[in-house]
Amino acid sequence: MQEPFNTSVNSMATVLSAIIGAKATTVQSMINPMLNDDVSGKNNPMNSLKAVNVVDIKLAKIGFKG
């Protein structure tokens, strides 16, 4: 991660929440399990096939191919 996000998950969540229109606290609860060893956490969005598919579709629409 690049500064200032490498020291504060909260700052990353704040920026992402402004971009995607979600609450910063919600975004932070999803970022934390992805950055920690808690990959099986209930808030980890990578555990939701629906969430992963939505992200894949949105990324494809803006030119990112997986």
C-alpha atoms as a PDB file:
ATOM      1  CA  MET A   1       0.000   0.000   0.000  1.00  0.00           C
ATOM      2  CA  GLN A   2       1.041   3.569  -0.614  1.00  0.00           C
ATOM      3  CA  GLU A   3       1.096   6.422   1.891  1.00  0.00           C
ATOM      4  CA  PRO A   4      -1.059   7.521   3.663  1.00  0.00           C
ATOM      5  CA  PHE A   5      -3.005   4.270   3.436  1.00  0.00           C
ATOM      6  CA  ASN A   6      -0.160   2.054   4.616  1.00  0.00           C
ATOM      7  CA  THR A   7      -0.533   3.432   8.135  1.00  0.00           C
ATOM      8  CA  SER A   8      -4.278   3.934   8.424  1.00  0.00           C
ATOM      9  CA  VAL A   9      -7.056   1.633   7.314  1.00  0.00           C
ATOM     10  CA  ASN A  10      -9.411   4.384   8.428  1.00  0.00           C
ATOM     11  CA  SER A  11      -8.002   6.845   5.873  1.00  0.00           C
ATOM     12  CA  MET A  12      -8.327   4.241   3.115  1.00  0.00           C
ATOM     13  CA  ALA A  13     -11.901   3.529   4.187  1.00  0.00           C
ATOM     14  CA  THR A  14     -12.718   7.245   4.171  1.00  0.00           C
ATOM     15  CA  VAL A  15     -11.447   7.706   0.618  1.00  0.00           C
ATOM     16  CA  LEU A  16     -13.141   4.549  -0.669  1.00  0.00           C
ATOM     17  CA  SER A  17     -16.407   5.465   1.035  1.00  0.00           C
ATOM     18  CA  ALA A  18     -16.402   8.813  -0.765  1.00  0.00           C
ATOM     19  CA  ILE A  19     -15.831   7.049  -4.078  1.00  0.00           C
ATOM     20  CA  ILE A  20     -18.404   4.271  -3.681  1.00  0.00           C
ATOM     21  CA  GLY A  21     -20.956   6.094  -1.531  1.00  0.00           C
ATOM     22  CA  ALA A  22     -20.865   3.736   1.445  1.00  0.00           C
ATOM     23  CA  LYS A  23     -20.285   4.548   5.112  1.00  0.00           C
ATOM     24  CA  ALA A  24     -16.600   4.656   6.062  1.00  0.00           C
ATOM     25  CA  THR A  25     -17.273   2.343   9.008  1.00  0.00           C
ATOM     26  CA  THR A  26     -18.828  -0.242   6.694  1.00  0.00           C
ATOM     27  CA  VAL A  27     -15.918  -0.037   4.274  1.00  0.00           C
ATOM     28  CA  GLN A  28     -13.406  -0.316   7.118  1.00  0.00           C
ATOM     29  CA  SER A  29     -15.115  -3.435   8.469  1.00  0.00           C
ATOM     30  CA  MET A  30     -14.657  -4.997   5.023  1.00  0.00           C
ATOM     31  CA  ILE A  31     -11.051  -3.872   4.548  1.00  0.00           C
ATOM     32  CA  ASN A  32      -9.811  -5.102   7.929  1.00  0.00           C
ATOM     33  CA  PRO A  33     -10.310  -8.847   7.325  1.00  0.00           C
ATOM     34  CA  MET A  34      -8.679  -8.568   3.887  1.00  0.00           C
ATOM     35  CA  LEU A  35      -5.547  -6.992   5.357  1.00  0.00           C
ATOM     36  CA  ASN A  36      -5.306  -9.296   8.368  1.00  0.00           C
ATOM     37  CA  ASP A  37      -4.929 -13.029   8.643  1.00  0.00           C
ATOM     38  CA  ASP A  38      -8.662 -13.307   9.346  1.00  0.00           C
ATOM     39  CA  VAL A  39      -9.604 -14.408   5.824  1.00  0.00           C
ATOM     40  CA  SER A  40     -12.559 -16.384   7.134  1.00  0.00           C
ATOM     41  CA  GLY A  41     -14.071 -13.354   8.871  1.00  0.00           C
ATOM     42  CA  LYS A  42     -17.799 -12.800   8.470  1.00  0.00           C
ATOM     43  CA  ASN A  43     -17.197  -9.290   7.118  1.00  0.00           C
ATOM     44  CA  ASN A  44     -14.680 -10.353   4.497  1.00  0.00           C
ATOM     45  CA  PRO A  45     -16.348  -9.458   1.179  1.00  0.00           C
ATOM     46  CA  MET A  46     -14.219 -12.056  -0.607  1.00  0.00           C
ATOM     47  CA  ASN A  47     -16.349 -14.704   1.139  1.00  0.00           C
ATOM     48  CA  SER A  48     -19.413 -13.558  -0.798  1.00  0.00           C
ATOM     49  CA  LEU A  49     -19.689 -14.796  -4.365  1.00  0.00           C
ATOM     50  CA  LYS A  50     -22.321 -12.122  -5.032  1.00  0.00           C
ATOM     51  CA  ALA A  51     -19.991  -9.335  -3.847  1.00  0.00           C
ATOM     52  CA  VAL A  52     -17.076 -10.702  -5.885  1.00  0.00           C
ATOM     53  CA  ASN A  53     -19.244 -10.909  -9.016  1.00  0.00           C
ATOM     54  CA  VAL A  54     -20.480  -7.329  -8.563  1.00  0.00           C
ATOM     55  CA  VAL A  55     -16.895  -6.083  -8.268  1.00  0.00           C
ATOM     56  CA  ASP A  56     -15.806  -8.118 -11.309  1.00  0.00           C
ATOM     57  CA  ILE A  57     -18.610  -6.629 -13.407  1.00  0.00           C
ATOM     58  CA  LYS A  58     -17.911  -3.057 -12.285  1.00  0.00           C
ATOM     59  CA  LEU A  59     -14.183  -3.436 -12.947  1.00  0.00           C
ATOM     60  CA  ALA A  60     -14.861  -4.892 -16.419  1.00  0.00           C
ATOM     61  CA  LYS A  61     -17.106  -1.911 -17.230  1.00  0.00           C
ATOM     62  CA  ILE A  62     -14.242   0.490 -16.557  1.00  0.00           C
ATOM     63  CA  GLY A  63     -11.699  -1.524 -18.524  1.00  0.00           C
ATOM     64  CA  PHE A  64     -10.098  -3.883 -16.013  1.00  0.00           C
ATOM     65  CA  LYS A  65     -10.008  -7.490 -17.193  1.00  0.00           C
ATOM     66  CA  GLY A  66      -9.384 -10.363 -14.781  1.00  0.00           C
END
